[in-house]
Amino acid sequence: MKFNRNVYQAFMMIGQFGINMLVPVFVCSFLGMFLDEKFGTNFLVVILFFIGAIAGGYNVYRFSRQIYTRESEQSSYLHKGRKDTRRKNEGKDHENKQDSV
């Protein structure tokens, strides 16, 4: 059975998105429940839940931005040779047109 590396990388990224989003939400929610019991309040869990959701969203944003910049750097590195070759060929075409006139 042939392993498809792209499929496993996609599953890994989906898992990392989930972990980056859920861990801050759970940590802040449990901290809010602990503080509510300690101080006898009822609202800290809600406030800390939203703080955790915002932190998780920011984590997902940073992670996706990091993936996007890494892929664009790799593609620019891979296609750099083609751009240089195209520029060299354009210069030769321009010289050939001048020679024929």
PDB file of N, CA and C in Angstrom:
ATOM      1  N   MET A   1       0.843  -1.180   0.000  1.00  0.00           N
ATOM      2  CA  MET A   1       0.000   0.000   0.000  1.00  0.00           C
ATOM      3  C   MET A   1       0.887   1.242   0.000  1.00  0.00           C
ATOM      4  N   LYS A   2       0.628   2.109  -0.942  1.00  0.00           N
ATOM      5  CA  LYS A   2       1.433   3.316  -1.072  1.00  0.00           C
ATOM      6  C   LYS A   2       0.905   4.392  -0.125  1.00  0.00           C
ATOM      7  N   PHE A   3       1.810   5.018   0.607  1.00  0.00           N
ATOM      8  CA  PHE A   3       1.433   6.073   1.527  1.00  0.00           C
ATOM      9  C   PHE A   3       1.451   7.400   0.792  1.00  0.00           C
ATOM     10  N   ASN A   4       0.372   8.141   0.912  1.00  0.00           N
ATOM     11  CA  ASN A   4       0.290   9.446   0.291  1.00  0.00           C
ATOM     12  C   ASN A   4       0.619  10.495   1.356  1.00  0.00           C
ATOM     13  N   ARG A   5       1.751  11.115   1.212  1.00  0.00           N
ATOM     14  CA  ARG A   5       2.249  12.045   2.216  1.00  0.00           C
ATOM     15  C   ARG A   5       1.348  13.270   2.356  1.00  0.00           C
ATOM     16  N   ASN A   6       0.772  13.741   1.253  1.00  0.00           N
ATOM     17  CA  ASN A   6      -0.081  14.925   1.308  1.00  0.00           C
ATOM     18  C   ASN A   6      -1.329  14.693   2.151  1.00  0.00           C
ATOM     19  N   VAL A   7      -1.891  13.500   2.113  1.00  0.00           N
ATOM     20  CA  VAL A   7      -3.077  13.193   2.898  1.00  0.00           C
ATOM     21  C   VAL A   7      -2.737  13.241   4.379  1.00  0.00           C
ATOM     22  N   TYR A   8      -1.624  12.655   4.756  1.00  0.00           N
ATOM     23  CA  TYR A   8      -1.232  12.661   6.159  1.00  0.00           C
ATOM     24  C   TYR A   8      -0.894  14.072   6.641  1.00  0.00           C
ATOM     25  N   GLN A   9      -0.284  14.866   5.783  1.00  0.00           N
ATOM     26  CA  GLN A   9       0.003  16.252   6.158  1.00  0.00           C
ATOM     27  C   GLN A   9      -1.283  17.044   6.337  1.00  0.00           C
ATOM     28  N   ALA A  10      -2.271  16.796   5.499  1.00  0.00           N
ATOM     29  CA  ALA A  10      -3.558  17.486   5.637  1.00  0.00           C
ATOM     30  C   ALA A  10      -4.241  17.090   6.947  1.00  0.00           C
ATOM     31  N   PHE A  11      -4.233  15.794   7.278  1.00  0.00           N
ATOM     32  CA  PHE A  11      -4.818  15.355   8.548  1.00  0.00           C
ATOM     33  C   PHE A  11      -4.084  15.964   9.735  1.00  0.00           C
ATOM     34  N   MET A  12      -2.784  16.056   9.626  1.00  0.00           N
ATOM     35  CA  MET A  12      -1.995  16.640  10.706  1.00  0.00           C
ATOM     36  C   MET A  12      -2.343  18.121  10.895  1.00  0.00           C
ATOM     37  N   MET A  13      -2.491  18.853   9.790  1.00  0.00           N
ATOM     38  CA  MET A  13      -2.847  20.270   9.896  1.00  0.00           C
ATOM     39  C   MET A  13      -4.235  20.456  10.490  1.00  0.00           C
ATOM     40  N   ILE A  14      -5.183  19.606  10.100  1.00  0.00           N
ATOM     41  CA  ILE A  14      -6.528  19.690  10.666  1.00  0.00           C
ATOM     42  C   ILE A  14      -6.478  19.444  12.166  1.00  0.00           C
ATOM     43  N   GLY A  15      -5.704  18.462  12.575  1.00  0.00           N
ATOM     44  CA  GLY A  15      -5.548  18.187  14.000  1.00  0.00           C
ATOM     45  C   GLY A  15      -4.907  19.345  14.746  1.00  0.00           C
ATOM     46  N   GLN A  16      -3.919  19.969  14.136  1.00  0.00           N
ATOM     47  CA  GLN A  16      -3.275  21.109  14.785  1.00  0.00           C
ATOM     48  C   GLN A  16      -4.211  22.305  14.883  1.00  0.00           C
ATOM     49  N   PHE A  17      -5.047  22.506  13.859  1.00  0.00           N
ATOM     50  CA  PHE A  17      -6.044  23.576  13.944  1.00  0.00           C
ATOM     51  C   PHE A  17      -6.980  23.329  15.123  1.00  0.00           C
ATOM     52  N   GLY A  18      -7.433  22.084  15.269  1.00  0.00           N
ATOM     53  CA  GLY A  18      -8.327  21.744  16.373  1.00  0.00           C
ATOM     54  C   GLY A  18      -7.678  21.935  17.724  1.00  0.00           C
ATOM     55  N   ILE A  19      -6.441  21.476  17.844  1.00  0.00           N
ATOM     56  CA  ILE A  19      -5.735  21.627  19.119  1.00  0.00           C
ATOM     57  C   ILE A  19      -5.490  23.098  19.434  1.00  0.00           C
ATOM     58  N   ASN A  20      -5.080  23.866  18.414  1.00  0.00           N
ATOM     59  CA  ASN A  20      -4.830  25.291  18.629  1.00  0.00           C
ATOM     60  C   ASN A  20      -6.082  26.042  19.035  1.00  0.00           C
ATOM     61  N   MET A  21      -7.245  25.567  18.629  1.00  0.00           N
ATOM     62  CA  MET A  21      -8.496  26.241  18.971  1.00  0.00           C
ATOM     63  C   MET A  21      -9.057  25.748  20.294  1.00  0.00           C
ATOM     64  N   LEU A  22      -9.025  24.446  20.532  1.00  0.00           N
ATOM     65  CA  LEU A  22      -9.721  23.883  21.683  1.00  0.00           C
ATOM     66  C   LEU A  22      -8.962  23.989  22.996  1.00  0.00           C
ATOM     67  N   VAL A  23      -7.663  23.901  22.972  1.00  0.00           N
ATOM     68  CA  VAL A  23      -6.903  23.927  24.225  1.00  0.00           C
ATOM     69  C   VAL A  23      -7.103  25.239  24.991  1.00  0.00           C
ATOM     70  N   PRO A  24      -6.967  26.415  24.366  1.00  0.00           N
ATOM     71  CA  PRO A  24      -7.211  27.637  25.135  1.00  0.00           C
ATOM     72  C   PRO A  24      -8.649  27.757  25.644  1.00  0.00           C
ATOM     73  N   VAL A  25      -9.621  27.264  24.859  1.00  0.00           N
ATOM     74  CA  VAL A  25     -11.018  27.326  25.293  1.00  0.00           C
ATOM     75  C   VAL A  25     -11.217  26.461  26.532  1.00  0.00           C
ATOM     76  N   PHE A  26     -10.716  25.225  26.513  1.00  0.00           N
ATOM     77  CA  PHE A  26     -10.874  24.339  27.666  1.00  0.00           C
ATOM     78  C   PHE A  26     -10.114  24.847  28.886  1.00  0.00           C
ATOM     79  N   VAL A  27      -8.908  25.303  28.690  1.00  0.00           N
ATOM     80  CA  VAL A  27      -8.122  25.789  29.834  1.00  0.00           C
ATOM     81  C   VAL A  27      -8.802  26.986  30.483  1.00  0.00           C
ATOM     82  N   CYS A  28      -9.229  27.931  29.662  1.00  0.00           N
ATOM     83  CA  CYS A  28      -9.891  29.119  30.225  1.00  0.00           C
ATOM     84  C   CYS A  28     -11.234  28.761  30.847  1.00  0.00           C
ATOM     85  N   SER A  29     -11.973  27.822  30.268  1.00  0.00           N
ATOM     86  CA  SER A  29     -13.264  27.419  30.839  1.00  0.00           C
ATOM     87  C   SER A  29     -13.074  26.740  32.194  1.00  0.00           C
ATOM     88  N   PHE A  30     -12.122  25.830  32.274  1.00  0.00           N
ATOM     89  CA  PHE A  30     -11.876  25.166  33.552  1.00  0.00           C
ATOM     90  C   PHE A  30     -11.341  26.140  34.598  1.00  0.00           C
ATOM     91  N   LEU A  31     -10.523  27.080  34.169  1.00  0.00           N
ATOM     92  CA  LEU A  31     -10.053  28.110  35.094  1.00  0.00           C
ATOM     93  C   LEU A  31     -11.221  28.961  35.579  1.00  0.00           C
ATOM     94  N   GLY A  32     -12.141  29.280  34.681  1.00  0.00           N
ATOM     95  CA  GLY A  32     -13.325  30.048  35.072  1.00  0.00           C
ATOM     96  C   GLY A  32     -14.202  29.282  36.044  1.00  0.00           C
ATOM     97  N   MET A  33     -14.383  27.966  35.817  1.00  0.00           N
ATOM     98  CA  MET A  33     -15.178  27.161  36.759  1.00  0.00           C
ATOM     99  C   MET A  33     -14.504  27.099  38.122  1.00  0.00           C
ATOM    100  N   PHE A  34     -13.175  26.956  38.126  1.00  0.00           N
ATOM    101  CA  PHE A  34     -12.438  26.913  39.390  1.00  0.00           C
ATOM    102  C   PHE A  34     -12.577  28.234  40.146  1.00  0.00           C
ATOM    103  N   LEU A  35     -12.408  29.335  39.428  1.00  0.00           N
ATOM    104  CA  LEU A  35     -12.513  30.645  40.077  1.00  0.00           C
ATOM    105  C   LEU A  35     -13.941  30.952  40.521  1.00  0.00           C
ATOM    106  N   ASP A  36     -14.935  30.489  39.752  1.00  0.00           N
ATOM    107  CA  ASP A  36     -16.335  30.676  40.167  1.00  0.00           C
ATOM    108  C   ASP A  36     -16.624  29.942  41.468  1.00  0.00           C
ATOM    109  N   GLU A  37     -16.114  28.721  41.600  1.00  0.00           N
ATOM    110  CA  GLU A  37     -16.317  27.973  42.844  1.00  0.00           C
ATOM    111  C   GLU A  37     -15.579  28.626  44.002  1.00  0.00           C
ATOM    112  N   LYS A  38     -14.383  29.109  43.726  1.00  0.00           N
ATOM    113  CA  LYS A  38     -13.579  29.696  44.797  1.00  0.00           C
ATOM    114  C   LYS A  38     -14.182  31.005  45.298  1.00  0.00           C
ATOM    115  N   PHE A  39     -14.642  31.861  44.380  1.00  0.00           N
ATOM    116  CA  PHE A  39     -15.161  33.174  44.774  1.00  0.00           C
ATOM    117  C   PHE A  39     -16.679  33.197  44.921  1.00  0.00           C
ATOM    118  N   GLY A  40     -17.357  32.127  44.546  1.00  0.00           N
ATOM    119  CA  GLY A  40     -18.818  32.072  44.670  1.00  0.00           C
ATOM    120  C   GLY A  40     -19.532  32.926  43.629  1.00  0.00           C
ATOM    121  N   THR A  41     -18.964  33.062  42.463  1.00  0.00           N
ATOM    122  CA  THR A  41     -19.584  33.838  41.393  1.00  0.00           C
ATOM    123  C   THR A  41     -20.136  32.908  40.318  1.00  0.00           C
ATOM    124  N   ASN A  42     -20.821  33.477  39.326  1.00  0.00           N
ATOM    125  CA  ASN A  42     -21.378  32.668  38.236  1.00  0.00           C
ATOM    126  C   ASN A  42     -20.987  33.167  36.857  1.00  0.00           C
ATOM    127  N   PHE A  43     -20.217  34.210  36.741  1.00  0.00           N
ATOM    128  CA  PHE A  43     -19.981  34.829  35.440  1.00  0.00           C
ATOM    129  C   PHE A  43     -18.555  34.669  34.922  1.00  0.00           C
ATOM    130  N   LEU A  44     -17.621  34.273  35.741  1.00  0.00           N
ATOM    131  CA  LEU A  44     -16.231  34.193  35.290  1.00  0.00           C
ATOM    132  C   LEU A  44     -16.018  33.123  34.225  1.00  0.00           C
ATOM    133  N   VAL A  45     -16.771  32.036  34.312  1.00  0.00           N
ATOM    134  CA  VAL A  45     -16.605  30.973  33.316  1.00  0.00           C
ATOM    135  C   VAL A  45     -16.991  31.475  31.923  1.00  0.00           C
ATOM    136  N   VAL A  46     -18.019  32.319  31.844  1.00  0.00           N
ATOM    137  CA  VAL A  46     -18.446  32.843  30.549  1.00  0.00           C
ATOM    138  C   VAL A  46     -17.397  33.809  30.000  1.00  0.00           C
ATOM    139  N   ILE A  47     -16.922  34.682  30.837  1.00  0.00           N
ATOM    140  CA  ILE A  47     -15.914  35.664  30.405  1.00  0.00           C
ATOM    141  C   ILE A  47     -14.644  34.954  29.955  1.00  0.00           C
ATOM    142  N   LEU A  48     -14.168  34.010  30.755  1.00  0.00           N
ATOM    143  CA  LEU A  48     -12.936  33.300  30.391  1.00  0.00           C
ATOM    144  C   LEU A  48     -13.138  32.380  29.194  1.00  0.00           C
ATOM    145  N   PHE A  49     -14.358  31.870  28.990  1.00  0.00           N
ATOM    146  CA  PHE A  49     -14.637  31.078  27.790  1.00  0.00           C
ATOM    147  C   PHE A  49     -14.416  31.932  26.542  1.00  0.00           C
ATOM    148  N   PHE A  50     -14.952  33.141  26.540  1.00  0.00           N
ATOM    149  CA  PHE A  50     -14.786  34.011  25.373  1.00  0.00           C
ATOM    150  C   PHE A  50     -13.333  34.455  25.199  1.00  0.00           C
ATOM    151  N   ILE A  51     -12.641  34.670  26.290  1.00  0.00           N
ATOM    152  CA  ILE A  51     -11.210  34.995  26.196  1.00  0.00           C
ATOM    153  C   ILE A  51     -10.450  33.813  25.579  1.00  0.00           C
ATOM    154  N   GLY A  52     -10.790  32.600  25.984  1.00  0.00           N
ATOM    155  CA  GLY A  52     -10.169  31.404  25.406  1.00  0.00           C
ATOM    156  C   GLY A  52     -10.498  31.244  23.929  1.00  0.00           C
ATOM    157  N   ALA A  53     -11.745  31.570  23.555  1.00  0.00           N
ATOM    158  CA  ALA A  53     -12.132  31.475  22.146  1.00  0.00           C
ATOM    159  C   ALA A  53     -11.362  32.487  21.303  1.00  0.00           C
ATOM    160  N   ILE A  54     -11.187  33.684  21.828  1.00  0.00           N
ATOM    161  CA  ILE A  54     -10.413  34.703  21.107  1.00  0.00           C
ATOM    162  C   ILE A  54      -8.955  34.272  20.985  1.00  0.00           C
ATOM    163  N   ALA A  55      -8.399  33.750  22.068  1.00  0.00           N
ATOM    164  CA  ALA A  55      -7.006  33.278  22.028  1.00  0.00           C
ATOM    165  C   ALA A  55      -6.857  32.109  21.054  1.00  0.00           C
ATOM    166  N   GLY A  56      -7.821  31.189  21.037  1.00  0.00           N
ATOM    167  CA  GLY A  56      -7.777  30.066  20.103  1.00  0.00           C
ATOM    168  C   GLY A  56      -7.892  30.529  18.662  1.00  0.00           C
ATOM    169  N   GLY A  57      -8.760  31.491  18.406  1.00  0.00           N
ATOM    170  CA  GLY A  57      -8.877  32.039  17.061  1.00  0.00           C
ATOM    171  C   GLY A  57      -7.598  32.704  16.607  1.00  0.00           C
ATOM    172  N   TYR A  58      -6.953  33.416  17.523  1.00  0.00           N
ATOM    173  CA  TYR A  58      -5.681  34.055  17.192  1.00  0.00           C
ATOM    174  C   TYR A  58      -4.603  33.009  16.917  1.00  0.00           C
ATOM    175  N   ASN A  59      -4.604  31.921  17.683  1.00  0.00           N
ATOM    176  CA  ASN A  59      -3.645  30.834  17.437  1.00  0.00           C
ATOM    177  C   ASN A  59      -3.843  30.226  16.051  1.00  0.00           C
ATOM    178  N   VAL A  60      -5.094  29.991  15.680  1.00  0.00           N
ATOM    179  CA  VAL A  60      -5.395  29.424  14.367  1.00  0.00           C
ATOM    180  C   VAL A  60      -4.961  30.398  13.273  1.00  0.00           C
ATOM    181  N   TYR A  61      -5.216  31.682  13.476  1.00  0.00           N
ATOM    182  CA  TYR A  61      -4.808  32.693  12.498  1.00  0.00           C
ATOM    183  C   TYR A  61      -3.293  32.690  12.317  1.00  0.00           C
ATOM    184  N   ARG A  62      -2.545  32.676  13.426  1.00  0.00           N
ATOM    185  CA  ARG A  62      -1.075  32.661  13.334  1.00  0.00           C
ATOM    186  C   ARG A  62      -0.581  31.398  12.651  1.00  0.00           C
ATOM    187  N   PHE A  63      -1.179  30.257  12.974  1.00  0.00           N
ATOM    188  CA  PHE A  63      -0.759  28.989  12.384  1.00  0.00           C
ATOM    189  C   PHE A  63      -1.035  28.974  10.886  1.00  0.00           C
ATOM    190  N   SER A  64      -2.221  29.418  10.477  1.00  0.00           N
ATOM    191  CA  SER A  64      -2.544  29.410   9.053  1.00  0.00           C
ATOM    192  C   SER A  64      -1.686  30.413   8.289  1.00  0.00           C
ATOM    193  N   ARG A  65      -1.387  31.535   8.897  1.00  0.00           N
ATOM    194  CA  ARG A  65      -0.516  32.520   8.245  1.00  0.00           C
ATOM    195  C   ARG A  65       0.901  31.961   8.077  1.00  0.00           C
ATOM    196  N   GLN A  66       1.369  31.233   9.087  1.00  0.00           N
ATOM    197  CA  GLN A  66       2.695  30.619   9.015  1.00  0.00           C
ATOM    198  C   GLN A  66       2.736  29.582   7.885  1.00  0.00           C
ATOM    199  N   ILE A  67       1.685  28.794   7.741  1.00  0.00           N
ATOM    200  CA  ILE A  67       1.630  27.799   6.676  1.00  0.00           C
ATOM    201  C   ILE A  67       1.622  28.490   5.321  1.00  0.00           C
ATOM    202  N   TYR A  68       0.833  29.551   5.183  1.00  0.00           N
ATOM    203  CA  TYR A  68       0.729  30.266   3.912  1.00  0.00           C
ATOM    204  C   TYR A  68       2.066  30.886   3.522  1.00  0.00           C
ATOM    205  N   THR A  69       2.759  31.514   4.467  1.00  0.00           N
ATOM    206  CA  THR A  69       4.041  32.138   4.123  1.00  0.00           C
ATOM    207  C   THR A  69       5.089  31.080   3.812  1.00  0.00           C
ATOM    208  N   ARG A  70       5.061  29.959   4.496  1.00  0.00           N
ATOM    209  CA  ARG A  70       6.015  28.890   4.224  1.00  0.00           C
ATOM    210  C   ARG A  70       5.801  28.334   2.821  1.00  0.00           C
ATOM    211  N   GLU A  71       4.536  28.119   2.432  1.00  0.00           N
ATOM    212  CA  GLU A  71       4.252  27.583   1.103  1.00  0.00           C
ATOM    213  C   GLU A  71       4.616  28.587   0.016  1.00  0.00           C
ATOM    214  N   SER A  72       4.362  29.878   0.263  1.00  0.00           N
ATOM    215  CA  SER A  72       4.698  30.873  -0.756  1.00  0.00           C
ATOM    216  C   SER A  72       6.216  31.017  -0.887  1.00  0.00           C
ATOM    217  N   GLU A  73       6.946  30.897   0.226  1.00  0.00           N
ATOM    218  CA  GLU A  73       8.409  30.948   0.143  1.00  0.00           C
ATOM    219  C   GLU A  73       8.940  29.744  -0.627  1.00  0.00           C
ATOM    220  N   GLN A  74       8.365  28.569  -0.377  1.00  0.00           N
ATOM    221  CA  GLN A  74       8.808  27.371  -1.081  1.00  0.00           C
ATOM    222  C   GLN A  74       8.505  27.469  -2.566  1.00  0.00           C
ATOM    223  N   SER A  75       7.318  27.963  -2.913  1.00  0.00           N
ATOM    224  CA  SER A  75       6.982  28.049  -4.331  1.00  0.00           C
ATOM    225  C   SER A  75       7.835  29.101  -5.022  1.00  0.00           C
ATOM    226  N   SER A  76       8.144  30.198  -4.331  1.00  0.00           N
ATOM    227  CA  SER A  76       9.005  31.200  -4.957  1.00  0.00           C
ATOM    228  C   SER A  76      10.421  30.658  -5.124  1.00  0.00           C
ATOM    229  N   TYR A  77      10.867  29.843  -4.180  1.00  0.00           N
ATOM    230  CA  TYR A  77      12.188  29.235  -4.297  1.00  0.00           C
ATOM    231  C   TYR A  77      12.209  28.238  -5.453  1.00  0.00           C
ATOM    232  N   LEU A  78      11.146  27.442  -5.571  1.00  0.00           N
ATOM    233  CA  LEU A  78      11.106  26.429  -6.621  1.00  0.00           C
ATOM    234  C   LEU A  78      10.976  27.052  -7.999  1.00  0.00           C
ATOM    235  N   HIS A  79      10.262  28.168  -8.115  1.00  0.00           N
ATOM    236  CA  HIS A  79      10.032  28.782  -9.417  1.00  0.00           C
ATOM    237  C   HIS A  79      11.033  29.878  -9.736  1.00  0.00           C
ATOM    238  N   LYS A  80      12.000  30.081  -8.862  1.00  0.00           N
ATOM    239  CA  LYS A  80      13.001  31.123  -9.081  1.00  0.00           C
ATOM    240  C   LYS A  80      13.821  30.838 -10.331  1.00  0.00           C
ATOM    241  N   GLY A  81      14.168  29.596 -10.542  1.00  0.00           N
ATOM    242  CA  GLY A  81      14.967  29.234 -11.708  1.00  0.00           C
ATOM    243  C   GLY A  81      14.244  29.513 -13.002  1.00  0.00           C
ATOM    244  N   ARG A  82      12.933  29.278 -13.033  1.00  0.00           N
ATOM    245  CA  ARG A  82      12.166  29.536 -14.247  1.00  0.00           C
ATOM    246  C   ARG A  82      12.101  31.017 -14.557  1.00  0.00           C
ATOM    247  N   LYS A  83      11.955  31.849 -13.546  1.00  0.00           N
ATOM    248  CA  LYS A  83      11.883  33.292 -13.772  1.00  0.00           C
ATOM    249  C   LYS A  83      13.201  33.804 -14.334  1.00  0.00           C
ATOM    250  N   ASP A  84      14.312  33.331 -13.771  1.00  0.00           N
ATOM    251  CA  ASP A  84      15.620  33.767 -14.268  1.00  0.00           C
ATOM    252  C   ASP A  84      15.826  33.324 -15.707  1.00  0.00           C
ATOM    253  N   THR A  85      15.421  32.097 -16.034  1.00  0.00           N
ATOM    254  CA  THR A  85      15.574  31.590 -17.392  1.00  0.00           C
ATOM    255  C   THR A  85      14.716  32.400 -18.358  1.00  0.00           C
ATOM    256  N   ARG A  86      13.511  32.751 -17.939  1.00  0.00           N
ATOM    257  CA  ARG A  86      12.627  33.531 -18.787  1.00  0.00           C
ATOM    258  C   ARG A  86      13.232  34.905 -19.069  1.00  0.00           C
ATOM    259  N   ARG A  87      13.828  35.526 -18.060  1.00  0.00           N
ATOM    260  CA  ARG A  87      14.459  36.832 -18.252  1.00  0.00           C
ATOM    261  C   ARG A  87      15.637  36.741 -19.219  1.00  0.00           C
ATOM    262  N   LYS A  88      16.406  35.675 -19.090  1.00  0.00           N
ATOM    263  CA  LYS A  88      17.545  35.498 -20.005  1.00  0.00           C
ATOM    264  C   LYS A  88      17.054  35.314 -21.425  1.00  0.00           C
ATOM    265  N   ASN A  89      15.984  34.527 -21.594  1.00  0.00           N
ATOM    266  CA  ASN A  89      15.443  34.293 -22.933  1.00  0.00           C
ATOM    267  C   ASN A  89      14.845  35.564 -23.523  1.00  0.00           C
ATOM    268  N   GLU A  90      14.211  36.401 -22.699  1.00  0.00           N
ATOM    269  CA  GLU A  90      13.657  37.651 -23.197  1.00  0.00           C
ATOM    270  C   GLU A  90      14.763  38.548 -23.729  1.00  0.00           C
ATOM    271  N   GLY A  91      15.883  38.579 -23.039  1.00  0.00           N
ATOM    272  CA  GLY A  91      17.007  39.381 -23.497  1.00  0.00           C
ATOM    273  C   GLY A  91      17.549  38.875 -24.812  1.00  0.00           C
ATOM    274  N   LYS A  92      17.613  37.554 -24.988  1.00  0.00           N
ATOM    275  CA  LYS A  92      18.099  36.975 -26.247  1.00  0.00           C
ATOM    276  C   LYS A  92      17.126  37.270 -27.375  1.00  0.00           C
ATOM    277  N   ASP A  93      15.812  37.187 -27.101  1.00  0.00           N
ATOM    278  CA  ASP A  93      14.833  37.488 -28.129  1.00  0.00           C
ATOM    279  C   ASP A  93      14.942  38.937 -28.564  1.00  0.00           C
ATOM    280  N   HIS A  94      15.165  39.806 -27.624  1.00  0.00           N
ATOM    281  CA  HIS A  94      15.294  41.230 -27.934  1.00  0.00           C
ATOM    282  C   HIS A  94      16.537  41.477 -28.788  1.00  0.00           C
ATOM    283  N   GLU A  95      17.627  40.806 -28.458  1.00  0.00           N
ATOM    284  CA  GLU A  95      18.859  40.948 -29.251  1.00  0.00           C
ATOM    285  C   GLU A  95      18.651  40.392 -30.652  1.00  0.00           C
ATOM    286  N   ASN A  96      17.964  39.262 -30.764  1.00  0.00           N
ATOM    287  CA  ASN A  96      17.732  38.671 -32.080  1.00  0.00           C
ATOM    288  C   ASN A  96      16.863  39.577 -32.960  1.00  0.00           C
ATOM    289  N   LYS A  97      15.895  40.248 -32.391  1.00  0.00           N
ATOM    290  CA  LYS A  97      15.028  41.133 -33.155  1.00  0.00           C
ATOM    291  C   LYS A  97      15.836  42.345 -33.656  1.00  0.00           C
ATOM    292  N   GLN A  98      16.751  42.824 -32.830  1.00  0.00           N
ATOM    293  CA  GLN A  98      17.558  43.972 -33.257  1.00  0.00           C
ATOM    294  C   GLN A  98      18.509  43.564 -34.377  1.00  0.00           C
ATOM    295  N   ASP A  99      19.044  42.361 -34.303  1.00  0.00           N
ATOM    296  CA  ASP A  99      19.977  41.890 -35.321  1.00  0.00           C
ATOM    297  C   ASP A  99      19.284  41.724 -36.675  1.00  0.00           C
ATOM    298  N   SER A 100      18.004  41.334 -36.662  1.00  0.00           N
ATOM    299  CA  SER A 100      17.321  41.087 -37.921  1.00  0.00           C
ATOM    300  C   SER A 100      16.857  42.370 -38.609  1.00  0.00           C
ATOM    301  N   VAL A 101      16.823  43.479 -37.893  1.00  0.00           N
ATOM    302  CA  VAL A 101      16.336  44.732 -38.481  1.00  0.00           C
ATOM    303  C   VAL A 101      17.367  45.367 -39.330  1.00  0.00           C
TER     304      VAL A 101
END
